[in-house]
Amino acid sequence: MMVALLRDARFSVQGAVTAGNAR
């Protein structure tokens, strides 16, 4: 459960970073 949450948060952050980079 905790791992899944951490993974989800990490993916969210990575997605935001990628979007910012694409911009």
Protein backbone atom coordinates (compact mmCIF):
# COMPACT_ATOMS: atom_id res chain seq x y z
CA MET A 1 0.00 0.00 0.00
CA MET A 2 2.67 2.51 1.04
CA VAL A 3 4.86 1.48 -1.88
CA ALA A 4 1.96 1.95 -4.29
CA LEU A 5 1.32 5.44 -2.91
CA LEU A 6 4.99 6.34 -3.19
CA ARG A 7 5.11 5.00 -6.72
CA ASP A 8 2.00 6.97 -7.70
CA ALA A 9 3.43 10.16 -6.22
CA ARG A 10 6.73 9.58 -8.00
CA PHE A 11 4.93 9.07 -11.31
CA SER A 12 2.92 12.25 -10.75
CA VAL A 13 6.09 14.24 -10.10
CA GLN A 14 7.84 12.73 -13.11
CA GLY A 15 4.82 13.57 -15.28
CA ALA A 16 4.84 17.18 -14.09
CA VAL A 17 8.58 17.44 -14.78
CA THR A 18 8.15 15.96 -18.25
CA ALA A 19 5.33 18.38 -19.02
CA GLY A 20 7.47 21.29 -17.86
CA ASN A 21 10.39 20.08 -19.97
CA ALA A 22 8.17 19.68 -23.05
CA ARG A 23 6.98 23.21 -22.48
